[in-house]
Amino acid sequence: MNIPSPHPPRIGVFDSGLGGLSVMHSLCELRDDARFVYVADSGHAPYGDKPVETIVARSLHIADFLAQQGMDLLVVACNTATAAAVQALRLAHPTLPIVGVEPGIKPAVQRSRNGKIGVLATTATLRSDRFQLLAQAHADRVELTLQAGVGLADAIEAHPLDGDEVRRAVERCCTPLRDAGVDTVVLGCTHYPLVADVIARQFAPAVSLVDTSEAIARRTLDLIPRGPALDAPISDRLELWSTGDTALLTKACQRWLGVHVQALELPPTVPMSGIG
């Protein structure tokens, strides 16, 4: 049985960019006992069209940085990075608990009424061995329609979430799913819940969207039980780092988490942490 930590747990969270803030939102709501360090690799976003070797290298770079900061747990808040790099991360940091993110196919199967499920994810996620195994394990009795969200994460990173660029990207990606008659859509990239309302408008009201952010936050409780609540607002418990535009991350945090935290620039090189 896990024993609560004698000090406030430090949870590191990273994504290819801003999308992991959807997971951060759930973590902040669930864990008033923890301190967080969030890294957006926006200078190298999106991961979805990158070679696997590049995704692994970037993930290891950021994990080393977070390990150096004394994290007690690491959340890979990126479906693409989880698919490509989570095994490499666990080998590099065997004593650091690591939680990955995977498309919510299992809950989608449980929720679907007509057995037609759409999966909206990056090309890299849909092509990965981890996704294929996930689909084989849970979707053998349903019809999956796979849709690569080409350009959608880019639009979310670069444009206002309620702007025309994002709306057009969402419409382009959702039209094939709507035409396939799906009644459940898996949001298989952590960027996509940031525009869940835009996506929902592309479908009939009865169509359900599946987002695993809350499940990921709950999983951290299995690994590090909740401790005493901290007498501090989230703005005092959160650090933000970015390899891209720090002002963009600061603004996105203000909008998505409702707090102002000044993002810092991540160092271009990080010495190995030595953990593990």
C-alpha atoms as a PDB file:
ATOM      1  CA  MET A   1       0.000   0.000   0.000  1.00  0.00           C
ATOM      2  CA  ASN A   2       1.309   3.460  -0.885  1.00  0.00           C
ATOM      3  CA  ILE A   3       2.116   5.728   2.051  1.00  0.00           C
ATOM      4  CA  PRO A   4       1.432   9.471   1.737  1.00  0.00           C
ATOM      5  CA  SER A   5       4.573  11.512   1.152  1.00  0.00           C
ATOM      6  CA  PRO A   6       5.892  13.476   4.152  1.00  0.00           C
ATOM      7  CA  HIS A   7       6.288  16.494   1.880  1.00  0.00           C
ATOM      8  CA  PRO A   8       3.971  17.990  -0.749  1.00  0.00           C
ATOM      9  CA  PRO A   9       4.374  15.856  -3.879  1.00  0.00           C
ATOM     10  CA  ARG A  10       5.977  17.514  -6.890  1.00  0.00           C
ATOM     11  CA  ILE A  11       4.357  16.432 -10.147  1.00  0.00           C
ATOM     12  CA  GLY A  12       6.011  17.156 -13.473  1.00  0.00           C
ATOM     13  CA  VAL A  13       3.810  17.409 -16.557  1.00  0.00           C
ATOM     14  CA  PHE A  14       4.906  17.868 -20.153  1.00  0.00           C
ATOM     15  CA  ASP A  15       3.394  18.054 -23.607  1.00  0.00           C
ATOM     16  CA  SER A  16       4.523  18.992 -27.082  1.00  0.00           C
ATOM     17  CA  GLY A  17       2.869  22.345 -26.446  1.00  0.00           C
ATOM     18  CA  LEU A  18      -0.249  23.761 -24.839  1.00  0.00           C
ATOM     19  CA  GLY A  19      -2.440  20.659 -24.996  1.00  0.00           C
ATOM     20  CA  GLY A  20      -1.261  19.243 -21.691  1.00  0.00           C
ATOM     21  CA  LEU A  21      -2.997  22.130 -19.943  1.00  0.00           C
ATOM     22  CA  SER A  22      -6.182  20.091 -20.346  1.00  0.00           C
ATOM     23  CA  VAL A  23      -4.588  17.461 -18.092  1.00  0.00           C
ATOM     24  CA  MET A  24      -3.208  20.172 -15.804  1.00  0.00           C
ATOM     25  CA  HIS A  25      -6.758  21.471 -15.331  1.00  0.00           C
ATOM     26  CA  SER A  26      -7.892  18.089 -14.015  1.00  0.00           C
ATOM     27  CA  LEU A  27      -4.792  17.723 -11.855  1.00  0.00           C
ATOM     28  CA  CYS A  28      -5.302  21.134 -10.272  1.00  0.00           C
ATOM     29  CA  GLU A  29      -8.923  20.331  -9.495  1.00  0.00           C
ATOM     30  CA  LEU A  30      -8.101  16.950  -7.972  1.00  0.00           C
ATOM     31  CA  ARG A  31      -4.806  17.588  -6.194  1.00  0.00           C
ATOM     32  CA  ASP A  32      -4.789  20.523  -3.814  1.00  0.00           C
ATOM     33  CA  ASP A  33      -1.916  18.791  -2.013  1.00  0.00           C
ATOM     34  CA  ALA A  34       0.637  19.003  -4.833  1.00  0.00           C
ATOM     35  CA  ARG A  35       3.033  21.362  -6.536  1.00  0.00           C
ATOM     36  CA  PHE A  36       3.382  21.226 -10.319  1.00  0.00           C
ATOM     37  CA  VAL A  37       5.972  21.950 -12.968  1.00  0.00           C
ATOM     38  CA  TYR A  38       4.590  22.116 -16.525  1.00  0.00           C
ATOM     39  CA  VAL A  39       6.793  22.076 -19.615  1.00  0.00           C
ATOM     40  CA  ALA A  40       5.462  22.977 -23.074  1.00  0.00           C
ATOM     41  CA  ASP A  41       7.817  21.920 -25.867  1.00  0.00           C
ATOM     42  CA  SER A  42       6.194  24.480 -28.145  1.00  0.00           C
ATOM     43  CA  GLY A  43       9.462  25.237 -29.902  1.00  0.00           C
ATOM     44  CA  HIS A  44       9.254  21.728 -31.357  1.00  0.00           C
ATOM     45  CA  ALA A  45       5.473  21.332 -31.668  1.00  0.00           C
ATOM     46  CA  PRO A  46       3.577  19.515 -32.885  1.00  0.00           C
ATOM     47  CA  TYR A  47       5.004  16.029 -32.291  1.00  0.00           C
ATOM     48  CA  GLY A  48       2.415  14.332 -34.479  1.00  0.00           C
ATOM     49  CA  ASP A  49       4.354  14.769 -37.716  1.00  0.00           C
ATOM     50  CA  LYS A  50       7.847  14.202 -36.246  1.00  0.00           C
ATOM     51  CA  PRO A  51       9.980  11.054 -36.630  1.00  0.00           C
ATOM     52  CA  VAL A  52       9.812   8.710 -33.656  1.00  0.00           C
ATOM     53  CA  GLU A  53      13.512   9.285 -32.945  1.00  0.00           C
ATOM     54  CA  THR A  54      12.901  13.020 -32.592  1.00  0.00           C
ATOM     55  CA  ILE A  55       9.938  12.519 -30.258  1.00  0.00           C
ATOM     56  CA  VAL A  56      11.959  10.168 -28.065  1.00  0.00           C
ATOM     57  CA  ALA A  57      14.891  12.585 -27.923  1.00  0.00           C
ATOM     58  CA  ARG A  58      12.674  15.534 -27.000  1.00  0.00           C
ATOM     59  CA  SER A  59      10.821  13.521 -24.367  1.00  0.00           C
ATOM     60  CA  LEU A  60      14.059  12.367 -22.753  1.00  0.00           C
ATOM     61  CA  HIS A  61      15.389  15.931 -22.753  1.00  0.00           C
ATOM     62  CA  ILE A  62      12.331  17.233 -20.910  1.00  0.00           C
ATOM     63  CA  ALA A  63      12.148  14.264 -18.539  1.00  0.00           C
ATOM     64  CA  ASP A  64      15.769  14.879 -17.550  1.00  0.00           C
ATOM     65  CA  PHE A  65      14.945  18.507 -16.809  1.00  0.00           C
ATOM     66  CA  LEU A  66      11.921  17.578 -14.700  1.00  0.00           C
ATOM     67  CA  ALA A  67      13.855  14.891 -12.855  1.00  0.00           C
ATOM     68  CA  GLN A  68      16.483  17.490 -11.985  1.00  0.00           C
ATOM     69  CA  GLN A  69      13.746  19.611 -10.449  1.00  0.00           C
ATOM     70  CA  GLY A  70      13.042  16.833  -7.946  1.00  0.00           C
ATOM     71  CA  MET A  71       9.764  15.531  -9.313  1.00  0.00           C
ATOM     72  CA  ASP A  72       8.089  12.689  -7.438  1.00  0.00           C
ATOM     73  CA  LEU A  73       5.991  11.719 -10.452  1.00  0.00           C
ATOM     74  CA  LEU A  74       5.965  12.476 -14.173  1.00  0.00           C
ATOM     75  CA  VAL A  75       2.858  12.813 -16.333  1.00  0.00           C
ATOM     76  CA  VAL A  76       3.435  12.525 -20.080  1.00  0.00           C
ATOM     77  CA  ALA A  77       0.425  14.655 -21.036  1.00  0.00           C
ATOM     78  CA  CYS A  78       0.819  13.925 -24.737  1.00  0.00           C
ATOM     79  CA  ASN A  79      -0.633  10.956 -26.587  1.00  0.00           C
ATOM     80  CA  THR A  80       2.054  11.052 -29.259  1.00  0.00           C
ATOM     81  CA  ALA A  81       4.925  11.183 -26.750  1.00  0.00           C
ATOM     82  CA  THR A  82       3.350   8.371 -24.733  1.00  0.00           C
ATOM     83  CA  ALA A  83       3.053   6.178 -27.817  1.00  0.00           C
ATOM     84  CA  ALA A  84       6.593   6.873 -29.005  1.00  0.00           C
ATOM     85  CA  ALA A  85       8.630   7.420 -25.865  1.00  0.00           C
ATOM     86  CA  VAL A  86       7.078   6.204 -22.608  1.00  0.00           C
ATOM     87  CA  GLN A  87       9.088   2.974 -22.637  1.00  0.00           C
ATOM     88  CA  ALA A  88      12.327   4.877 -23.206  1.00  0.00           C
ATOM     89  CA  LEU A  89      11.418   7.257 -20.383  1.00  0.00           C
ATOM     90  CA  ARG A  90      10.813   4.385 -17.964  1.00  0.00           C
ATOM     91  CA  LEU A  91      14.132   2.800 -18.897  1.00  0.00           C
ATOM     92  CA  ALA A  92      15.953   6.114 -18.406  1.00  0.00           C
ATOM     93  CA  HIS A  93      14.210   6.852 -15.077  1.00  0.00           C
ATOM     94  CA  PRO A  94      13.297   3.502 -13.527  1.00  0.00           C
ATOM     95  CA  THR A  95      12.694   4.928 -10.023  1.00  0.00           C
ATOM     96  CA  LEU A  96      10.432   7.746 -11.202  1.00  0.00           C
ATOM     97  CA  PRO A  97       6.728   6.845 -11.497  1.00  0.00           C
ATOM     98  CA  ILE A  98       5.515   7.805 -14.974  1.00  0.00           C
ATOM     99  CA  VAL A  99       1.900   8.160 -16.122  1.00  0.00           C
ATOM    100  CA  GLY A 100       1.202   8.211 -19.845  1.00  0.00           C
ATOM    101  CA  VAL A 101      -1.858   9.233 -21.837  1.00  0.00           C
ATOM    102  CA  GLU A 102      -3.647   6.965 -24.278  1.00  0.00           C
ATOM    103  CA  PRO A 103      -6.813   7.414 -26.353  1.00  0.00           C
ATOM    104  CA  GLY A 104      -9.891   6.422 -24.342  1.00  0.00           C
ATOM    105  CA  ILE A 105     -11.051   3.569 -26.536  1.00  0.00           C
ATOM    106  CA  LYS A 106     -12.224   1.396 -23.634  1.00  0.00           C
ATOM    107  CA  PRO A 107     -14.583   4.011 -22.141  1.00  0.00           C
ATOM    108  CA  ALA A 108     -15.745   4.905 -25.654  1.00  0.00           C
ATOM    109  CA  VAL A 109     -16.744   1.294 -26.311  1.00  0.00           C
ATOM    110  CA  GLN A 110     -18.661   1.256 -23.035  1.00  0.00           C
ATOM    111  CA  ARG A 111     -20.422   4.505 -23.879  1.00  0.00           C
ATOM    112  CA  SER A 112     -21.289   3.905 -27.549  1.00  0.00           C
ATOM    113  CA  ARG A 113     -24.844   2.889 -28.407  1.00  0.00           C
ATOM    114  CA  ASN A 114     -24.476   2.104 -32.109  1.00  0.00           C
ATOM    115  CA  GLY A 115     -20.979   0.583 -32.014  1.00  0.00           C
ATOM    116  CA  LYS A 116     -19.530   3.262 -34.295  1.00  0.00           C
ATOM    117  CA  ILE A 117     -16.641   5.132 -32.698  1.00  0.00           C
ATOM    118  CA  GLY A 118     -14.430   7.830 -34.124  1.00  0.00           C
ATOM    119  CA  VAL A 119     -10.858   8.327 -32.957  1.00  0.00           C
ATOM    120  CA  LEU A 120      -9.380  11.758 -33.587  1.00  0.00           C
ATOM    121  CA  ALA A 121      -5.633  11.684 -32.963  1.00  0.00           C
ATOM    122  CA  THR A 122      -2.282  12.569 -34.498  1.00  0.00           C
ATOM    123  CA  THR A 123      -0.892  10.528 -37.369  1.00  0.00           C
ATOM    124  CA  ALA A 124       1.964   9.317 -35.153  1.00  0.00           C
ATOM    125  CA  THR A 125      -0.427   8.081 -32.458  1.00  0.00           C
ATOM    126  CA  LEU A 126      -2.672   6.239 -34.909  1.00  0.00           C
ATOM    127  CA  ARG A 127       0.333   4.534 -36.540  1.00  0.00           C
ATOM    128  CA  SER A 128       1.965   3.510 -33.269  1.00  0.00           C
ATOM    129  CA  ASP A 129       2.196  -0.060 -32.021  1.00  0.00           C
ATOM    130  CA  ARG A 130       0.736   1.016 -28.664  1.00  0.00           C
ATOM    131  CA  PHE A 131      -2.416   2.292 -30.343  1.00  0.00           C
ATOM    132  CA  GLN A 132      -2.787  -0.844 -32.451  1.00  0.00           C
ATOM    133  CA  LEU A 133      -2.549  -3.002 -29.336  1.00  0.00           C
ATOM    134  CA  LEU A 134      -5.045  -0.765 -27.534  1.00  0.00           C
ATOM    135  CA  ALA A 135      -7.529  -1.056 -30.392  1.00  0.00           C
ATOM    136  CA  GLN A 136      -7.100  -4.834 -30.604  1.00  0.00           C
ATOM    137  CA  ALA A 137      -7.683  -5.196 -26.862  1.00  0.00           C
ATOM    138  CA  HIS A 138     -10.874  -3.148 -26.623  1.00  0.00           C
ATOM    139  CA  ALA A 139     -12.421  -2.529 -30.043  1.00  0.00           C
ATOM    140  CA  ASP A 140     -12.855  -5.949 -31.613  1.00  0.00           C
ATOM    141  CA  ARG A 141     -16.666  -5.695 -31.504  1.00  0.00           C
ATOM    142  CA  VAL A 142     -17.088  -2.115 -32.685  1.00  0.00           C
ATOM    143  CA  GLU A 143     -16.406  -0.173 -35.840  1.00  0.00           C
ATOM    144  CA  LEU A 144     -13.536   2.285 -35.453  1.00  0.00           C
ATOM    145  CA  THR A 145     -13.149   5.232 -37.791  1.00  0.00           C
ATOM    146  CA  LEU A 146      -9.643   6.644 -37.435  1.00  0.00           C
ATOM    147  CA  GLN A 147      -9.108  10.287 -38.309  1.00  0.00           C
ATOM    148  CA  ALA A 148      -5.741  11.991 -38.234  1.00  0.00           C
ATOM    149  CA  GLY A 149      -6.060  15.530 -36.912  1.00  0.00           C
ATOM    150  CA  VAL A 150      -3.671  16.938 -39.496  1.00  0.00           C
ATOM    151  CA  GLY A 151      -3.048  20.598 -38.767  1.00  0.00           C
ATOM    152  CA  LEU A 152      -5.404  20.756 -35.774  1.00  0.00           C
ATOM    153  CA  ALA A 153      -2.780  20.866 -33.019  1.00  0.00           C
ATOM    154  CA  ASP A 154      -0.868  23.459 -35.075  1.00  0.00           C
ATOM    155  CA  ALA A 155      -3.969  25.626 -35.311  1.00  0.00           C
ATOM    156  CA  ILE A 156      -4.612  25.325 -31.573  1.00  0.00           C
ATOM    157  CA  GLU A 157      -1.021  26.341 -30.830  1.00  0.00           C
ATOM    158  CA  ALA A 158      -0.948  29.281 -33.212  1.00  0.00           C
ATOM    159  CA  HIS A 159      -4.438  30.811 -33.251  1.00  0.00           C
ATOM    160  CA  PRO A 160      -7.262  31.874 -30.910  1.00  0.00           C
ATOM    161  CA  LEU A 161      -9.225  28.834 -29.799  1.00  0.00           C
ATOM    162  CA  ASP A 162     -12.503  30.418 -30.922  1.00  0.00           C
ATOM    163  CA  GLY A 163     -11.073  31.763 -34.180  1.00  0.00           C
ATOM    164  CA  ASP A 164     -11.788  30.863 -37.797  1.00  0.00           C
ATOM    165  CA  GLU A 165      -8.484  28.985 -38.292  1.00  0.00           C
ATOM    166  CA  VAL A 166      -9.276  26.554 -35.490  1.00  0.00           C
ATOM    167  CA  ARG A 167     -12.896  26.192 -36.593  1.00  0.00           C
ATOM    168  CA  ARG A 168     -11.854  25.322 -40.154  1.00  0.00           C
ATOM    169  CA  ALA A 169      -9.302  22.781 -38.933  1.00  0.00           C
ATOM    170  CA  VAL A 170     -11.883  21.179 -36.655  1.00  0.00           C
ATOM    171  CA  GLU A 171     -14.478  21.027 -39.443  1.00  0.00           C
ATOM    172  CA  ARG A 172     -11.978  19.426 -41.824  1.00  0.00           C
ATOM    173  CA  CYS A 173     -11.073  16.740 -39.290  1.00  0.00           C
ATOM    174  CA  CYS A 174     -14.583  16.041 -38.027  1.00  0.00           C
ATOM    175  CA  THR A 175     -16.461  15.813 -41.320  1.00  0.00           C
ATOM    176  CA  PRO A 176     -15.299  12.228 -42.085  1.00  0.00           C
ATOM    177  CA  LEU A 177     -16.320  11.130 -38.588  1.00  0.00           C
ATOM    178  CA  ARG A 178     -19.736  12.732 -38.918  1.00  0.00           C
ATOM    179  CA  ASP A 179     -20.192  11.111 -42.328  1.00  0.00           C
ATOM    180  CA  ALA A 180     -19.312   7.725 -40.794  1.00  0.00           C
ATOM    181  CA  GLY A 181     -22.228   8.046 -38.373  1.00  0.00           C
ATOM    182  CA  VAL A 182     -20.197   7.731 -35.186  1.00  0.00           C
ATOM    183  CA  ASP A 183     -21.998   8.353 -31.914  1.00  0.00           C
ATOM    184  CA  THR A 184     -18.821   8.598 -29.813  1.00  0.00           C
ATOM    185  CA  VAL A 185     -15.608  10.488 -30.558  1.00  0.00           C
ATOM    186  CA  VAL A 186     -12.347   9.817 -28.741  1.00  0.00           C
ATOM    187  CA  LEU A 187     -10.234  12.945 -28.311  1.00  0.00           C
ATOM    188  CA  GLY A 188      -6.889  11.231 -28.814  1.00  0.00           C
ATOM    189  CA  CYS A 189      -4.651  14.270 -28.364  1.00  0.00           C
ATOM    190  CA  THR A 190      -4.492  16.442 -25.256  1.00  0.00           C
ATOM    191  CA  HIS A 191      -4.752  19.547 -27.436  1.00  0.00           C
ATOM    192  CA  TYR A 192      -8.248  18.614 -28.555  1.00  0.00           C
ATOM    193  CA  PRO A 193     -10.131  19.050 -25.237  1.00  0.00           C
ATOM    194  CA  LEU A 194      -9.062  22.703 -25.378  1.00  0.00           C
ATOM    195  CA  VAL A 195     -11.500  23.072 -28.282  1.00  0.00           C
ATOM    196  CA  ALA A 196     -14.041  20.453 -27.192  1.00  0.00           C
ATOM    197  CA  ASP A 197     -16.883  22.952 -27.556  1.00  0.00           C
ATOM    198  CA  VAL A 198     -15.861  23.679 -31.150  1.00  0.00           C
ATOM    199  CA  ILE A 199     -15.636  19.955 -31.892  1.00  0.00           C
ATOM    200  CA  ALA A 200     -19.008  19.247 -30.259  1.00  0.00           C
ATOM    201  CA  ARG A 201     -20.717  21.732 -32.574  1.00  0.00           C
ATOM    202  CA  GLN A 202     -19.699  19.559 -35.537  1.00  0.00           C
ATOM    203  CA  PHE A 203     -21.919  16.726 -34.327  1.00  0.00           C
ATOM    204  CA  ALA A 204     -25.469  16.064 -33.223  1.00  0.00           C
ATOM    205  CA  PRO A 205     -26.111  16.737 -29.524  1.00  0.00           C
ATOM    206  CA  ALA A 206     -26.313  13.011 -28.786  1.00  0.00           C
ATOM    207  CA  VAL A 207     -22.723  12.392 -29.908  1.00  0.00           C
ATOM    208  CA  SER A 208     -20.410  11.905 -26.917  1.00  0.00           C
ATOM    209  CA  LEU A 209     -16.811  13.136 -26.651  1.00  0.00           C
ATOM    210  CA  VAL A 210     -14.351  11.044 -24.638  1.00  0.00           C
ATOM    211  CA  ASP A 211     -11.522  12.866 -22.863  1.00  0.00           C
ATOM    212  CA  THR A 212      -9.211  10.947 -20.482  1.00  0.00           C
ATOM    213  CA  SER A 213      -7.823  13.963 -18.587  1.00  0.00           C
ATOM    214  CA  GLU A 214      -9.749  13.219 -15.386  1.00  0.00           C
ATOM    215  CA  ALA A 215      -8.737   9.550 -15.479  1.00  0.00           C
ATOM    216  CA  ILE A 216      -5.079  10.542 -15.790  1.00  0.00           C
ATOM    217  CA  ALA A 217      -5.377  12.838 -12.782  1.00  0.00           C
ATOM    218  CA  ARG A 218      -7.010  10.053 -10.751  1.00  0.00           C
ATOM    219  CA  ARG A 219      -4.213   7.680 -11.727  1.00  0.00           C
ATOM    220  CA  THR A 220      -1.699   9.912  -9.947  1.00  0.00           C
ATOM    221  CA  LEU A 221      -3.566   9.201  -6.691  1.00  0.00           C
ATOM    222  CA  ASP A 222      -2.838   5.488  -7.119  1.00  0.00           C
ATOM    223  CA  LEU A 223       0.881   6.240  -7.275  1.00  0.00           C
ATOM    224  CA  ILE A 224       1.095   9.087  -4.743  1.00  0.00           C
ATOM    225  CA  PRO A 225      -1.851   9.222  -2.315  1.00  0.00           C
ATOM    226  CA  ARG A 226      -3.368  12.567  -1.460  1.00  0.00           C
ATOM    227  CA  GLY A 227      -1.714  14.428   1.392  1.00  0.00           C
ATOM    228  CA  PRO A 228      -2.834  17.463   3.412  1.00  0.00           C
ATOM    229  CA  ALA A 229      -4.178  20.334   1.322  1.00  0.00           C
ATOM    230  CA  LEU A 230      -1.704  23.155   0.812  1.00  0.00           C
ATOM    231  CA  ASP A 231      -2.672  26.592   2.028  1.00  0.00           C
ATOM    232  CA  ALA A 232      -1.696  28.191  -1.275  1.00  0.00           C
ATOM    233  CA  PRO A 233      -3.486  29.111  -4.517  1.00  0.00           C
ATOM    234  CA  ILE A 234      -2.600  27.225  -7.675  1.00  0.00           C
ATOM    235  CA  SER A 235      -0.672  30.265  -8.906  1.00  0.00           C
ATOM    236  CA  ASP A 236       1.802  29.659  -6.053  1.00  0.00           C
ATOM    237  CA  ARG A 237       1.969  25.914  -6.682  1.00  0.00           C
ATOM    238  CA  LEU A 238       2.637  25.950 -10.428  1.00  0.00           C
ATOM    239  CA  GLU A 239       5.760  26.605 -12.491  1.00  0.00           C
ATOM    240  CA  LEU A 240       5.566  26.990 -16.264  1.00  0.00           C
ATOM    241  CA  TRP A 241       8.412  26.422 -18.730  1.00  0.00           C
ATOM    242  CA  SER A 242       8.408  26.568 -22.519  1.00  0.00           C
ATOM    243  CA  THR A 243      10.824  25.993 -25.378  1.00  0.00           C
ATOM    244  CA  GLY A 244       8.751  28.362 -27.495  1.00  0.00           C
ATOM    245  CA  ASP A 245       6.851  31.583 -26.885  1.00  0.00           C
ATOM    246  CA  THR A 246       6.646  31.956 -23.101  1.00  0.00           C
ATOM    247  CA  ALA A 247       4.008  34.667 -23.414  1.00  0.00           C
ATOM    248  CA  LEU A 248       1.759  32.243 -25.312  1.00  0.00           C
ATOM    249  CA  LEU A 249       1.977  29.672 -22.514  1.00  0.00           C
ATOM    250  CA  THR A 250       1.351  32.352 -19.865  1.00  0.00           C
ATOM    251  CA  LYS A 251      -1.757  33.486 -21.739  1.00  0.00           C
ATOM    252  CA  ALA A 252      -3.007  29.933 -22.303  1.00  0.00           C
ATOM    253  CA  CYS A 253      -2.612  29.166 -18.608  1.00  0.00           C
ATOM    254  CA  GLN A 254      -4.614  32.268 -17.744  1.00  0.00           C
ATOM    255  CA  ARG A 255      -7.420  31.163 -20.030  1.00  0.00           C
ATOM    256  CA  TRP A 256      -7.466  27.437 -19.275  1.00  0.00           C
ATOM    257  CA  LEU A 257      -6.512  27.354 -15.587  1.00  0.00           C
ATOM    258  CA  GLY A 258      -7.758  30.805 -14.629  1.00  0.00           C
ATOM    259  CA  VAL A 259      -4.482  31.903 -13.028  1.00  0.00           C
ATOM    260  CA  HIS A 260      -1.604  34.141 -14.035  1.00  0.00           C
ATOM    261  CA  VAL A 261       1.772  32.398 -13.883  1.00  0.00           C
ATOM    262  CA  GLN A 262       4.720  33.822 -15.789  1.00  0.00           C
ATOM    263  CA  ALA A 263       6.234  31.125 -17.996  1.00  0.00           C
ATOM    264  CA  LEU A 264      10.012  30.785 -18.181  1.00  0.00           C
ATOM    265  CA  GLU A 265      12.247  29.719 -21.054  1.00  0.00           C
ATOM    266  CA  LEU A 266      13.464  26.131 -20.810  1.00  0.00           C
ATOM    267  CA  PRO A 267      17.264  25.793 -21.066  1.00  0.00           C
ATOM    268  CA  PRO A 268      18.303  24.431 -24.477  1.00  0.00           C
ATOM    269  CA  THR A 269      20.537  21.801 -22.869  1.00  0.00           C
ATOM    270  CA  VAL A 270      19.911  19.851 -19.689  1.00  0.00           C
ATOM    271  CA  PRO A 271      22.598  17.777 -17.926  1.00  0.00           C
ATOM    272  CA  MET A 272      21.532  14.230 -17.127  1.00  0.00           C
ATOM    273  CA  SER A 273      19.663  14.073 -13.832  1.00  0.00           C
ATOM    274  CA  GLY A 274      21.225  10.889 -12.566  1.00  0.00           C
ATOM    275  CA  ILE A 275      17.893   9.480 -11.405  1.00  0.00           C
ATOM    276  CA  GLY A 276      17.820   5.761 -11.985  1.00  0.00           C
END
